[in-house]
Structures are given as structure tokens and as C-alpha cells.
Amino acid sequence: MKVRLDLNNADFQKEWFSLQKNEFAASKNTMRKISEMDWHQIYHDRGLKWEKIQSIRTDKGRELYTIRLGKKHRAVVYRQDAFMIFVSLHPDHDSAYRVKGKNIRLF
């Protein structure tokens, strides 16, 4: 089953649309790659570096993960059935693990 992307989180969109042109293009290319993969491929792809965030969960108890969207950015995501839900975007690896202060909204 191919992964479907949910990019509808307002916090994620605000950060994503403010990227510079080359960074936006790199992230868009990565998302295209993700949409052609299944979950097993996502979990094992060395370029995406799927990593569980051990310290926090969503307000509904879902586990959060980070993936690399480009050389400069990581996204915080979670899985819901076939969907990869994008929560936030971060300019570096470490800031993706400090999303406690963010309001993680689930649809």
C-alpha cells in the first residue's frame, strides 16, 4: 500500500510555504518520492531517516516521528492508516525533537 500524504496542518503549511525556493523544491521532491513508496520502504530508507521521537506524543497519544525533507529540514509526522500526517517543519535535526511547546492539532 502506497503512502498517502496529508499536508493540511496549518502549522506545517505556514512553515513549508515560507521556505526559500530551492528548499521548497527539495522538500517537494522528497514528498513525491514518499508518495511512491510503501510503509516498509519508508521505515528503511536511509535518506529519509525515519526516527521515533521518544519524549513526546500528540494530545491523542499518537507516536511522533521525524523524517528528512532535505539537507536543511526535518518534518515531524505521524502515521494514521495509509496517511503520513505532517505536523511541523524544522530547520535542523535537534529542533524537531523540541516540539513540546507547539500545539499539535489532529484532524
Protein backbone atom coordinates (compact mmCIF):
# COMPACT_ATOMS: atom_id res chain seq x y z
CA MET A 1 0.00 0.00 0.00
CA LYS A 2 1.49 3.32 -1.08
CA VAL A 3 1.79 6.07 1.48
CA ARG A 4 -0.59 9.00 1.16
CA LEU A 5 0.42 12.46 2.36
CA ASP A 6 -1.68 14.79 4.49
CA LEU A 7 -0.23 18.30 4.31
CA ASN A 8 -3.29 20.08 5.75
CA ASN A 9 -1.90 21.07 9.15
CA ALA A 10 -1.85 24.88 9.27
CA ASP A 11 1.35 25.00 11.34
CA PHE A 12 3.15 22.80 8.83
CA GLN A 13 1.84 24.78 5.85
CA LYS A 14 2.92 28.10 7.34
CA GLU A 15 6.48 26.84 7.79
CA TRP A 16 6.57 24.96 4.47
CA PHE A 17 5.31 27.85 2.32
CA SER A 18 7.86 30.20 3.89
CA LEU A 19 10.84 28.13 2.70
CA GLN A 20 13.17 29.58 0.13
CA LYS A 21 12.58 28.39 -3.42
CA ASN A 22 15.38 25.80 -3.53
CA GLU A 23 14.48 24.40 -0.08
CA PHE A 24 10.81 24.18 -1.05
CA ALA A 25 11.72 22.34 -4.26
CA ALA A 26 13.90 19.85 -2.35
CA SER A 27 11.10 19.13 0.13
CA LYS A 28 8.57 18.76 -2.69
CA ASN A 29 10.84 16.25 -4.43
CA THR A 30 11.16 14.25 -1.21
CA MET A 31 7.39 14.23 -0.79
CA ARG A 32 7.00 12.97 -4.35
CA LYS A 33 9.45 10.17 -3.50
CA ILE A 34 7.50 9.32 -0.32
CA SER A 35 4.20 9.15 -2.22
CA GLU A 36 5.69 6.45 -4.46
CA MET A 37 6.81 4.29 -1.52
CA ASP A 38 5.09 1.86 0.83
CA TRP A 39 5.49 1.98 4.61
CA HIS A 40 8.17 -0.71 4.72
CA GLN A 41 10.28 1.33 2.29
CA ILE A 42 9.73 4.50 4.35
CA TYR A 43 10.87 2.84 7.57
CA HIS A 44 14.08 1.55 5.98
CA ASP A 45 15.05 4.35 3.60
CA ARG A 46 18.44 5.73 4.66
CA GLY A 47 17.81 9.09 3.03
CA LEU A 48 14.59 9.81 4.94
CA LYS A 49 15.97 8.65 8.29
CA TRP A 50 12.58 7.82 9.87
CA GLU A 51 13.13 8.29 13.62
CA LYS A 52 10.73 7.99 16.53
CA ILE A 53 10.56 10.92 18.94
CA GLN A 54 10.76 9.17 22.31
CA SER A 55 9.97 12.14 24.54
CA ILE A 56 6.56 13.30 23.28
CA ARG A 57 3.28 12.19 21.75
CA THR A 58 0.31 14.02 20.31
CA ASP A 59 -2.56 15.12 22.52
CA LYS A 60 -4.34 11.91 21.49
CA GLY A 61 -1.38 9.70 22.39
CA ARG A 62 -0.07 9.09 18.88
CA GLU A 63 3.64 8.50 18.46
CA LEU A 64 5.54 11.17 16.54
CA TYR A 65 8.41 10.66 14.12
CA THR A 66 10.84 12.80 12.18
CA ILE A 67 11.87 12.45 8.57
CA ARG A 68 14.40 14.33 6.49
CA LEU A 69 12.81 16.51 3.82
CA GLY A 70 16.05 17.98 2.53
CA LYS A 71 19.57 18.76 3.64
CA LYS A 72 18.36 21.53 5.91
CA HIS A 73 14.91 20.44 7.13
CA ARG A 74 13.18 17.69 9.07
CA ALA A 75 9.43 17.22 9.39
CA VAL A 76 7.56 15.92 12.39
CA VAL A 77 4.95 13.42 11.25
CA TYR A 78 2.75 10.60 12.45
CA ARG A 79 1.11 7.67 10.75
CA GLN A 80 -2.65 7.24 10.56
CA ASP A 81 -3.60 4.22 8.46
CA ALA A 82 -2.27 4.89 4.93
CA PHE A 83 -1.57 8.57 5.66
CA MET A 84 1.61 10.29 6.74
CA ILE A 85 0.32 13.35 8.59
CA PHE A 86 2.73 16.30 8.57
CA VAL A 87 2.71 18.24 11.85
CA SER A 88 5.60 20.69 11.67
CA LEU A 89 8.78 21.56 9.82
CA HIS A 90 12.15 22.29 11.43
CA PRO A 91 15.34 23.88 10.12
CA ASP A 92 17.61 21.42 11.92
CA HIS A 93 17.62 17.95 13.40
CA ASP A 94 17.62 18.98 17.07
CA SER A 95 14.70 21.41 16.90
CA ALA A 96 12.45 18.63 15.55
CA TYR A 97 12.75 16.93 18.93
CA ARG A 98 11.66 20.02 20.87
CA VAL A 99 8.08 20.37 19.67
CA LYS A 100 6.65 20.25 23.20
CA GLY A 101 5.76 23.92 23.12
CA LYS A 102 3.87 23.53 19.86
CA ASN A 103 0.16 22.89 19.75
CA ILE A 104 -0.09 19.62 17.87
CA ARG A 105 -3.53 19.66 16.31
CA LEU A 106 -5.09 16.50 15.00
CA PHE A 107 -7.88 16.43 12.46
